């Protein structure tokens, strides 16, 4: 064992100043037993590790809490989806009926405001006709004028060879086609009925 370190001074000590030092530079040789220097050394060495361990424990605890919260949230979402599916299954007929009623009111409002093109409606009906020969189109008197004008403005157009007649029994935005091979109707109620069947089929 080396002898004690001895420092010789040329004069008396006038002041003392404690300087910061790197804890890694301190060599602990077992001679600090119970002294303040030993406690300072242990604190310098052990505090970073202890703080890191505490931080890791806190992070692990937060991870557990977050995982539990996610599981709870997933359970709530699953129950909500199950509830929605059950409600839809029990009320699908009411939903379909309500959808049709809303569509009917929208169509009625558009017809009352004149927000439709009778020419397009007639063209669509003519695409279902087997031929254009001897076709008679029944129209509401208010729609008759528009189609007759369109036919006169384009003699060789889509209405070529078609005869338009007024029919008070036909509603606005509707038409009825007579041909030697049968009758084709384009009525709002029929369109709504097809929508209703499509909704039921989709369910």
C-alpha atoms as a PDB file:
ATOM      1  CA  UNK A   1       0.000   0.000   0.000  1.00  0.00           C
ATOM      2  CA  UNK A   2       1.476   3.399  -0.928  1.00  0.00           C
ATOM      3  CA  UNK A   3       2.134   5.911   1.773  1.00  0.00           C
ATOM      4  CA  UNK A   4      -0.045   8.974   2.429  1.00  0.00           C
ATOM      5  CA  UNK A   5       0.221  11.878   0.032  1.00  0.00           C
ATOM      6  CA  UNK A   6       2.120  14.808   1.537  1.00  0.00           C
ATOM      7  CA  UNK A   7       1.987  18.360   0.148  1.00  0.00           C
ATOM      8  CA  UNK A   8       4.502  20.952   1.263  1.00  0.00           C
ATOM      9  CA  UNK A   9       3.429  24.611   1.090  1.00  0.00           C
ATOM     10  CA  UNK A  10       5.826  27.552   1.049  1.00  0.00           C
ATOM     11  CA  UNK A  11       3.484  29.743   3.085  1.00  0.00           C
ATOM     12  CA  UNK A  12       0.186  29.808   4.979  1.00  0.00           C
ATOM     13  CA  UNK A  13      -3.160  29.054   3.157  1.00  0.00           C
ATOM     14  CA  UNK A  14      -5.024  32.296   2.590  1.00  0.00           C
ATOM     15  CA  UNK A  15      -8.163  30.921   0.862  1.00  0.00           C
ATOM     16  CA  UNK A  16      -9.694  27.654  -0.385  1.00  0.00           C
ATOM     17  CA  UNK A  17     -11.822  27.205  -3.521  1.00  0.00           C
ATOM     18  CA  UNK A  18     -13.606  23.964  -4.457  1.00  0.00           C
ATOM     19  CA  UNK A  19     -13.436  23.237  -8.187  1.00  0.00           C
ATOM     20  CA  UNK A  20     -15.889  21.073 -10.226  1.00  0.00           C
ATOM     21  CA  UNK A  21     -14.347  17.862 -11.415  1.00  0.00           C
ATOM     22  CA  UNK A  22     -15.411  14.948 -13.547  1.00  0.00           C
ATOM     23  CA  UNK A  23     -16.691  12.148 -11.360  1.00  0.00           C
ATOM     24  CA  UNK A  24     -15.178   9.646 -13.762  1.00  0.00           C
ATOM     25  CA  UNK A  25     -11.733  11.043 -12.903  1.00  0.00           C
ATOM     26  CA  UNK A  26     -12.044  10.175  -9.217  1.00  0.00           C
ATOM     27  CA  UNK A  27     -10.321   6.954  -8.295  1.00  0.00           C
ATOM     28  CA  UNK A  28     -12.096   5.245  -5.459  1.00  0.00           C
ATOM     29  CA  UNK A  29      -9.523   3.153  -3.613  1.00  0.00           C
ATOM     30  CA  UNK A  30     -11.543   2.223  -0.518  1.00  0.00           C
ATOM     31  CA  UNK A  31      -9.994   4.859   1.709  1.00  0.00           C
ATOM     32  CA  UNK A  32     -13.145   7.047   1.858  1.00  0.00           C
ATOM     33  CA  UNK A  33     -14.918   4.792   4.326  1.00  0.00           C
ATOM     34  CA  UNK A  34     -17.836   6.720   5.815  1.00  0.00           C
ATOM     35  CA  UNK A  35     -16.365  10.073   4.879  1.00  0.00           C
ATOM     36  CA  UNK A  36     -18.182  12.915   3.079  1.00  0.00           C
ATOM     37  CA  UNK A  37     -15.895  12.417   0.088  1.00  0.00           C
ATOM     38  CA  UNK A  38     -17.060   8.785  -0.225  1.00  0.00           C
ATOM     39  CA  UNK A  39     -20.747   9.786  -0.054  1.00  0.00           C
ATOM     40  CA  UNK A  40     -20.170  12.454  -2.696  1.00  0.00           C
ATOM     41  CA  UNK A  41     -18.433   9.906  -4.896  1.00  0.00           C
ATOM     42  CA  UNK A  42     -21.215   7.353  -4.539  1.00  0.00           C
ATOM     43  CA  UNK A  43     -23.841  10.015  -5.260  1.00  0.00           C
ATOM     44  CA  UNK A  44     -21.958  11.108  -8.399  1.00  0.00           C
ATOM     45  CA  UNK A  45     -21.635   7.542  -9.632  1.00  0.00           C
ATOM     46  CA  UNK A  46     -25.006   6.127  -8.635  1.00  0.00           C
ATOM     47  CA  UNK A  47     -27.414   9.027  -9.307  1.00  0.00           C
ATOM     48  CA  UNK A  48     -27.447   8.827 -13.159  1.00  0.00           C
ATOM     49  CA  UNK A  49     -28.142   5.084 -13.092  1.00  0.00           C
ATOM     50  CA  UNK A  50     -30.820   5.501 -10.463  1.00  0.00           C
ATOM     51  CA  UNK A  51     -32.477   8.283 -12.414  1.00  0.00           C
ATOM     52  CA  UNK A  52     -32.385   6.192 -15.588  1.00  0.00           C
ATOM     53  CA  UNK A  53     -33.928   3.242 -13.794  1.00  0.00           C
ATOM     54  CA  UNK A  54     -36.689   5.420 -12.356  1.00  0.00           C
ATOM     55  CA  UNK A  55     -37.389   6.873 -15.795  1.00  0.00           C
ATOM     56  CA  UNK A  56     -37.614   3.407 -17.325  1.00  0.00           C
ATOM     57  CA  UNK A  57     -40.029   2.329 -14.617  1.00  0.00           C
ATOM     58  CA  UNK A  58     -42.201   5.387 -15.255  1.00  0.00           C
ATOM     59  CA  UNK A  59     -42.184   4.725 -19.021  1.00  0.00           C
ATOM     60  CA  UNK A  60     -43.131   1.090 -18.462  1.00  0.00           C
ATOM     61  CA  UNK A  61     -46.006   2.112 -16.185  1.00  0.00           C
ATOM     62  CA  UNK A  62     -47.250   4.628 -18.769  1.00  0.00           C
ATOM     63  CA  UNK A  63     -47.015   1.947 -21.463  1.00  0.00           C
ATOM     64  CA  UNK A  64     -49.193  -0.371 -19.403  1.00  0.00           C
ATOM     65  CA  UNK A  65     -51.774   2.375 -18.804  1.00  0.00           C
ATOM     66  CA  UNK A  66     -51.811   3.291 -22.509  1.00  0.00           C
ATOM     67  CA  UNK A  67     -52.229  -0.358 -23.525  1.00  0.00           C
ATOM     68  CA  UNK A  68     -55.155  -0.750 -21.145  1.00  0.00           C
ATOM     69  CA  UNK A  69     -56.751   2.436 -22.500  1.00  0.00           C
ATOM     70  CA  UNK A  70     -56.403   1.153 -26.075  1.00  0.00           C
ATOM     71  CA  UNK A  71     -58.022  -2.146 -25.153  1.00  0.00           C
ATOM     72  CA  UNK A  72     -60.887  -0.323 -23.483  1.00  0.00           C
ATOM     73  CA  UNK A  73     -61.357   1.958 -26.497  1.00  0.00           C
ATOM     74  CA  UNK A  74     -61.333  -0.996 -28.909  1.00  0.00           C
ATOM     75  CA  UNK A  75     -63.979  -2.673 -26.811  1.00  0.00           C
ATOM     76  CA  UNK A  76     -66.159   0.446 -26.885  1.00  0.00           C
ATOM     77  CA  UNK A  77     -65.798   0.740 -30.685  1.00  0.00           C
ATOM     78  CA  UNK A  78     -66.699  -2.929 -31.165  1.00  0.00           C
ATOM     79  CA  UNK A  79     -69.807  -2.579 -28.994  1.00  0.00           C
ATOM     80  CA  UNK A  80     -70.824   0.613 -30.835  1.00  0.00           C
ATOM     81  CA  UNK A  81     -70.492  -1.086 -34.235  1.00  0.00           C
ATOM     82  CA  UNK A  82     -72.504  -4.026 -32.965  1.00  0.00           C
ATOM     83  CA  UNK A  83     -75.184  -1.652 -31.702  1.00  0.00           C
ATOM     84  CA  UNK A  84     -75.340   0.177 -35.069  1.00  0.00           C
ATOM     85  CA  UNK A  85     -75.656  -3.079 -36.978  1.00  0.00           C
ATOM     86  CA  UNK A  86     -78.422  -4.234 -34.651  1.00  0.00           C
ATOM     87  CA  UNK A  87     -80.302  -0.942 -35.006  1.00  0.00           C
ATOM     88  CA  UNK A  88     -79.986  -1.023 -38.794  1.00  0.00           C
ATOM     89  CA  UNK A  89     -81.136  -4.640 -38.961  1.00  0.00           C
ATOM     90  CA  UNK A  90     -84.203  -3.899 -36.815  1.00  0.00           C
ATOM     91  CA  UNK A  91     -85.116  -0.697 -38.630  1.00  0.00           C
ATOM     92  CA  UNK A  92     -83.950  -1.307 -42.210  1.00  0.00           C
ATOM     93  CA  UNK A  93     -87.520  -1.293 -43.545  1.00  0.00           C
ATOM     94  CA  UNK A  94     -88.242   1.984 -41.794  1.00  0.00           C
ATOM     95  CA  UNK A  95     -84.995   3.449 -43.143  1.00  0.00           C
ATOM     96  CA  UNK A  96     -85.840   2.357 -46.712  1.00  0.00           C
ATOM     97  CA  UNK A  97     -89.351   3.771 -46.399  1.00  0.00           C
ATOM     98  CA  UNK A  98     -88.039   7.054 -45.029  1.00  0.00           C
ATOM     99  CA  UNK A  99     -85.473   7.282 -47.841  1.00  0.00           C
ATOM    100  CA  UNK A 100     -88.178   6.811 -50.454  1.00  0.00           C
ATOM    101  CA  UNK A 101     -90.385   9.410 -48.838  1.00  0.00           C
ATOM    102  CA  UNK A 102     -87.526  11.913 -48.828  1.00  0.00           C
ATOM    103  CA  UNK A 103     -86.791  11.153 -52.505  1.00  0.00           C
ATOM    104  CA  UNK A 104     -90.471  11.582 -53.355  1.00  0.00           C
ATOM    105  CA  UNK A 105     -90.657  14.981 -51.680  1.00  0.00           C
ATOM    106  CA  UNK A 106     -87.501  16.131 -53.454  1.00  0.00           C
ATOM    107  CA  UNK A 107     -88.851  15.039 -56.846  1.00  0.00           C
ATOM    108  CA  UNK A 108     -92.230  16.656 -56.207  1.00  0.00           C
ATOM    109  CA  UNK A 109     -90.524  19.916 -55.262  1.00  0.00           C
ATOM    110  CA  UNK A 110     -88.359  19.833 -58.377  1.00  0.00           C
ATOM    111  CA  UNK A 111     -91.393  19.193 -60.590  1.00  0.00           C
ATOM    112  CA  UNK A 112     -93.334  22.026 -58.975  1.00  0.00           C
ATOM    113  CA  UNK A 113     -90.388  24.371 -59.554  1.00  0.00           C
ATOM    114  CA  UNK A 114     -89.964  23.171 -63.140  1.00  0.00           C
ATOM    115  CA  UNK A 115     -86.458  22.001 -62.288  1.00  0.00           C
ATOM    116  CA  UNK A 116     -86.333  19.135 -64.811  1.00  0.00           C
ATOM    117  CA  UNK A 117     -85.779  18.513 -68.517  1.00  0.00           C
ATOM    118  CA  UNK A 118     -88.689  16.723 -70.137  1.00  0.00           C
ATOM    119  CA  UNK A 119     -86.665  16.246 -73.318  1.00  0.00           C
ATOM    120  CA  UNK A 120     -84.112  14.114 -71.439  1.00  0.00           C
ATOM    121  CA  UNK A 121     -86.888  12.084 -69.821  1.00  0.00           C
ATOM    122  CA  UNK A 122     -88.479  11.348 -73.207  1.00  0.00           C
ATOM    123  CA  UNK A 123     -85.089  10.465 -74.737  1.00  0.00           C
ATOM    124  CA  UNK A 124     -84.475   7.974 -71.942  1.00  0.00           C
ATOM    125  CA  UNK A 125     -87.896   6.389 -72.516  1.00  0.00           C
ATOM    126  CA  UNK A 126     -87.276   6.183 -76.274  1.00  0.00           C
ATOM    127  CA  UNK A 127     -84.062   4.194 -75.682  1.00  0.00           C
ATOM    128  CA  UNK A 128     -86.263   1.426 -74.239  1.00  0.00           C
ATOM    129  CA  UNK A 129     -88.624   1.438 -77.228  1.00  0.00           C
ATOM    130  CA  UNK A 130     -88.111  -1.440 -79.699  1.00  0.00           C
ATOM    131  CA  UNK A 131     -88.274   0.995 -82.642  1.00  0.00           C
ATOM    132  CA  UNK A 132     -89.044   4.633 -83.493  1.00  0.00           C
ATOM    133  CA  UNK A 133     -91.694   3.805 -86.075  1.00  0.00           C
ATOM    134  CA  UNK A 134     -95.268   4.784 -85.262  1.00  0.00           C
ATOM    135  CA  UNK A 135     -94.316   5.870 -81.753  1.00  0.00           C
ATOM    136  CA  UNK A 136     -96.771   8.164 -79.982  1.00  0.00           C
ATOM    137  CA  UNK A 137     -95.586   9.989 -76.864  1.00  0.00           C
ATOM    138  CA  UNK A 138     -98.232  11.123 -74.366  1.00  0.00           C
ATOM    139  CA  UNK A 139     -97.221  14.199 -72.406  1.00  0.00           C
ATOM    140  CA  UNK A 140     -98.640  16.565 -69.860  1.00  0.00           C
ATOM    141  CA  UNK A 141     -99.920  19.690 -71.661  1.00  0.00           C
ATOM    142  CA  UNK A 142     -97.200  21.805 -69.975  1.00  0.00           C
ATOM    143  CA  UNK A 143     -94.457  19.470 -71.203  1.00  0.00           C
ATOM    144  CA  UNK A 144     -95.943  19.010 -74.664  1.00  0.00           C
ATOM    145  CA  UNK A 145     -94.945  22.511 -75.762  1.00  0.00           C
ATOM    146  CA  UNK A 146     -91.266  21.979 -74.854  1.00  0.00           C
ATOM    147  CA  UNK A 147     -90.970  18.655 -76.717  1.00  0.00           C
ATOM    148  CA  UNK A 148     -92.827  19.923 -79.781  1.00  0.00           C
ATOM    149  CA  UNK A 149     -90.484  22.930 -79.931  1.00  0.00           C
ATOM    150  CA  UNK A 150     -87.414  20.674 -79.595  1.00  0.00           C
ATOM    151  CA  UNK A 151     -88.731  18.515 -82.447  1.00  0.00           C
ATOM    152  CA  UNK A 152     -89.291  21.534 -84.674  1.00  0.00           C
ATOM    153  CA  UNK A 153     -85.858  23.000 -83.887  1.00  0.00           C
ATOM    154  CA  UNK A 154     -84.105  19.730 -84.852  1.00  0.00           C
ATOM    155  CA  UNK A 155     -86.166  17.936 -87.534  1.00  0.00           C
ATOM    156  CA  UNK A 156     -83.632  15.139 -87.932  1.00  0.00           C
ATOM    157  CA  UNK A 157     -82.816  14.862 -84.234  1.00  0.00           C
ATOM    158  CA  UNK A 158     -83.757  12.427 -81.482  1.00  0.00           C
ATOM    159  CA  UNK A 159     -87.472  13.075 -81.896  1.00  0.00           C
ATOM    160  CA  UNK A 160     -87.562  12.435 -85.630  1.00  0.00           C
ATOM    161  CA  UNK A 161     -90.575  10.307 -86.548  1.00  0.00           C
ATOM    162  CA  UNK A 162     -92.117  10.648 -83.070  1.00  0.00           C
ATOM    163  CA  UNK A 163     -95.644  11.974 -82.585  1.00  0.00           C
ATOM    164  CA  UNK A 164     -96.339  14.009 -79.463  1.00  0.00           C
ATOM    165  CA  UNK A 165     -99.851  14.262 -78.020  1.00  0.00           C
ATOM    166  CA  UNK A 166    -101.192  16.006 -74.942  1.00  0.00           C
ATOM    167  CA  UNK A 167    -102.639  13.861 -72.177  1.00  0.00           C
ATOM    168  CA  UNK A 168    -103.950  15.451 -68.967  1.00  0.00           C
ATOM    169  CA  UNK A 169    -103.707  12.068 -67.243  1.00  0.00           C
ATOM    170  CA  UNK A 170     -99.913  12.203 -67.493  1.00  0.00           C
ATOM    171  CA  UNK A 171     -98.157  14.170 -64.800  1.00  0.00           C
ATOM    172  CA  UNK A 172     -95.405  16.690 -65.349  1.00  0.00           C
ATOM    173  CA  UNK A 173     -91.949  15.177 -65.833  1.00  0.00           C
ATOM    174  CA  UNK A 174     -93.609  11.945 -66.960  1.00  0.00           C
ATOM    175  CA  UNK A 175     -94.454  10.364 -70.309  1.00  0.00           C
ATOM    176  CA  UNK A 176     -96.109   7.335 -71.859  1.00  0.00           C
ATOM    177  CA  UNK A 177     -94.946   5.785 -75.147  1.00  0.00           C
ATOM    178  CA  UNK A 178     -97.304   3.876 -77.405  1.00  0.00           C
ATOM    179  CA  UNK A 179     -95.867   1.659 -80.120  1.00  0.00           C
ATOM    180  CA  UNK A 180     -97.145  -1.267 -82.204  1.00  0.00           C
ATOM    181  CA  UNK A 181     -95.186  -3.565 -79.888  1.00  0.00           C
ATOM    182  CA  UNK A 182     -96.424  -2.246 -76.569  1.00  0.00           C
ATOM    183  CA  UNK A 183     -96.522   0.593 -74.079  1.00  0.00           C
ATOM    184  CA  UNK A 184     -93.599   2.064 -72.173  1.00  0.00           C
ATOM    185  CA  UNK A 185     -94.228   4.267 -69.159  1.00  0.00           C
ATOM    186  CA  UNK A 186     -91.848   6.679 -67.488  1.00  0.00           C
ATOM    187  CA  UNK A 187     -93.623   7.606 -64.271  1.00  0.00           C
ATOM    188  CA  UNK A 188     -92.254   8.991 -61.036  1.00  0.00           C
ATOM    189  CA  UNK A 189     -93.944   6.338 -58.921  1.00  0.00           C
ATOM    190  CA  UNK A 190     -92.367   3.616 -61.041  1.00  0.00           C
ATOM    191  CA  UNK A 191     -88.923   5.146 -60.609  1.00  0.00           C
ATOM    192  CA  UNK A 192     -89.413   5.313 -56.835  1.00  0.00           C
ATOM    193  CA  UNK A 193     -90.592   1.711 -56.798  1.00  0.00           C
ATOM    194  CA  UNK A 194     -87.422   0.608 -58.579  1.00  0.00           C
ATOM    195  CA  UNK A 195     -85.355   2.576 -56.060  1.00  0.00           C
ATOM    196  CA  UNK A 196     -87.173   0.829 -53.219  1.00  0.00           C
ATOM    197  CA  UNK A 197     -86.474  -2.600 -54.713  1.00  0.00           C
ATOM    198  CA  UNK A 198     -82.824  -1.689 -55.143  1.00  0.00           C
ATOM    199  CA  UNK A 199     -82.608  -0.665 -51.495  1.00  0.00           C
ATOM    200  CA  UNK A 200     -84.146  -3.927 -50.324  1.00  0.00           C
ATOM    201  CA  UNK A 201     -81.807  -5.894 -52.566  1.00  0.00           C
ATOM    202  CA  UNK A 202     -78.808  -4.031 -51.165  1.00  0.00           C
ATOM    203  CA  UNK A 203     -79.830  -4.959 -47.622  1.00  0.00           C
END
